[in-house]
């Protein structure tokens, strides 16, 4: 975990799926997905 002036960066190991996508989208603009690239694009489209 890393604290920056813009927030906190943390890492989790998961299998990207619809349920995870729905949970992350629930955080709205307050969350930025950094990797994997294909999942970043899916989140941006929503």
C-alpha atoms as a PDB file:
ATOM      1  CA  UNK A   1       0.000   0.000   0.000  1.00  0.00           C
ATOM      2  CA  UNK A   2       1.270   3.459  -0.890  1.00  0.00           C
ATOM      3  CA  UNK A   3      -0.139   6.805   0.215  1.00  0.00           C
ATOM      4  CA  UNK A   4       0.180   9.692  -2.243  1.00  0.00           C
ATOM      5  CA  UNK A   5      -1.096  13.266  -2.222  1.00  0.00           C
ATOM      6  CA  UNK A   6      -3.964  12.086  -4.474  1.00  0.00           C
ATOM      7  CA  UNK A   7      -4.982   9.055  -2.425  1.00  0.00           C
ATOM      8  CA  UNK A   8      -3.919   5.495  -1.678  1.00  0.00           C
ATOM      9  CA  UNK A   9      -2.584   2.956  -4.172  1.00  0.00           C
ATOM     10  CA  UNK A  10      -3.084  -0.682  -3.270  1.00  0.00           C
ATOM     11  CA  UNK A  11      -2.937  -4.002  -5.035  1.00  0.00           C
ATOM     12  CA  UNK A  12      -5.265  -6.996  -4.882  1.00  0.00           C
ATOM     13  CA  UNK A  13      -5.004 -10.318  -6.663  1.00  0.00           C
ATOM     14  CA  UNK A  14      -8.333 -11.344  -8.170  1.00  0.00           C
ATOM     15  CA  UNK A  15      -9.879 -12.921 -11.226  1.00  0.00           C
ATOM     16  CA  UNK A  16     -11.599 -10.129 -13.189  1.00  0.00           C
ATOM     17  CA  UNK A  17     -15.289 -10.931 -13.554  1.00  0.00           C
ATOM     18  CA  UNK A  18     -18.704  -9.263 -13.734  1.00  0.00           C
ATOM     19  CA  UNK A  19     -19.186  -9.126  -9.963  1.00  0.00           C
ATOM     20  CA  UNK A  20     -15.815  -7.438  -9.423  1.00  0.00           C
ATOM     21  CA  UNK A  21     -16.561  -5.009 -12.241  1.00  0.00           C
ATOM     22  CA  UNK A  22     -19.898  -4.089 -10.646  1.00  0.00           C
ATOM     23  CA  UNK A  23     -18.273  -3.547  -7.228  1.00  0.00           C
ATOM     24  CA  UNK A  24     -15.548  -1.323  -8.650  1.00  0.00           C
ATOM     25  CA  UNK A  25     -18.001   0.741 -10.676  1.00  0.00           C
ATOM     26  CA  UNK A  26     -19.917   1.312  -7.444  1.00  0.00           C
ATOM     27  CA  UNK A  27     -17.000   3.449  -6.210  1.00  0.00           C
ATOM     28  CA  UNK A  28     -17.613   5.867  -9.076  1.00  0.00           C
ATOM     29  CA  UNK A  29     -15.068   8.560  -9.848  1.00  0.00           C
ATOM     30  CA  UNK A  30     -13.284   7.913  -6.540  1.00  0.00           C
ATOM     31  CA  UNK A  31     -11.499   4.815  -7.875  1.00  0.00           C
ATOM     32  CA  UNK A  32      -9.030   4.351 -10.725  1.00  0.00           C
ATOM     33  CA  UNK A  33      -8.220   0.865 -12.021  1.00  0.00           C
ATOM     34  CA  UNK A  34      -4.596   0.718 -13.227  1.00  0.00           C
ATOM     35  CA  UNK A  35      -4.201  -2.866 -14.497  1.00  0.00           C
ATOM     36  CA  UNK A  36      -4.837  -5.207 -16.282  1.00  0.00           C
ATOM     37  CA  UNK A  37      -5.262  -3.046 -19.371  1.00  0.00           C
ATOM     38  CA  UNK A  38      -8.305  -4.913 -20.743  1.00  0.00           C
ATOM     39  CA  UNK A  39     -10.117  -4.456 -17.420  1.00  0.00           C
ATOM     40  CA  UNK A  40      -9.241  -0.744 -17.326  1.00  0.00           C
ATOM     41  CA  UNK A  41     -10.936  -0.368 -20.725  1.00  0.00           C
ATOM     42  CA  UNK A  42     -14.048  -2.276 -19.581  1.00  0.00           C
ATOM     43  CA  UNK A  43     -14.398  -0.056 -16.529  1.00  0.00           C
ATOM     44  CA  UNK A  44     -13.922   3.125 -18.597  1.00  0.00           C
ATOM     45  CA  UNK A  45     -16.699   2.071 -20.998  1.00  0.00           C
ATOM     46  CA  UNK A  46     -19.164   1.863 -18.109  1.00  0.00           C
END
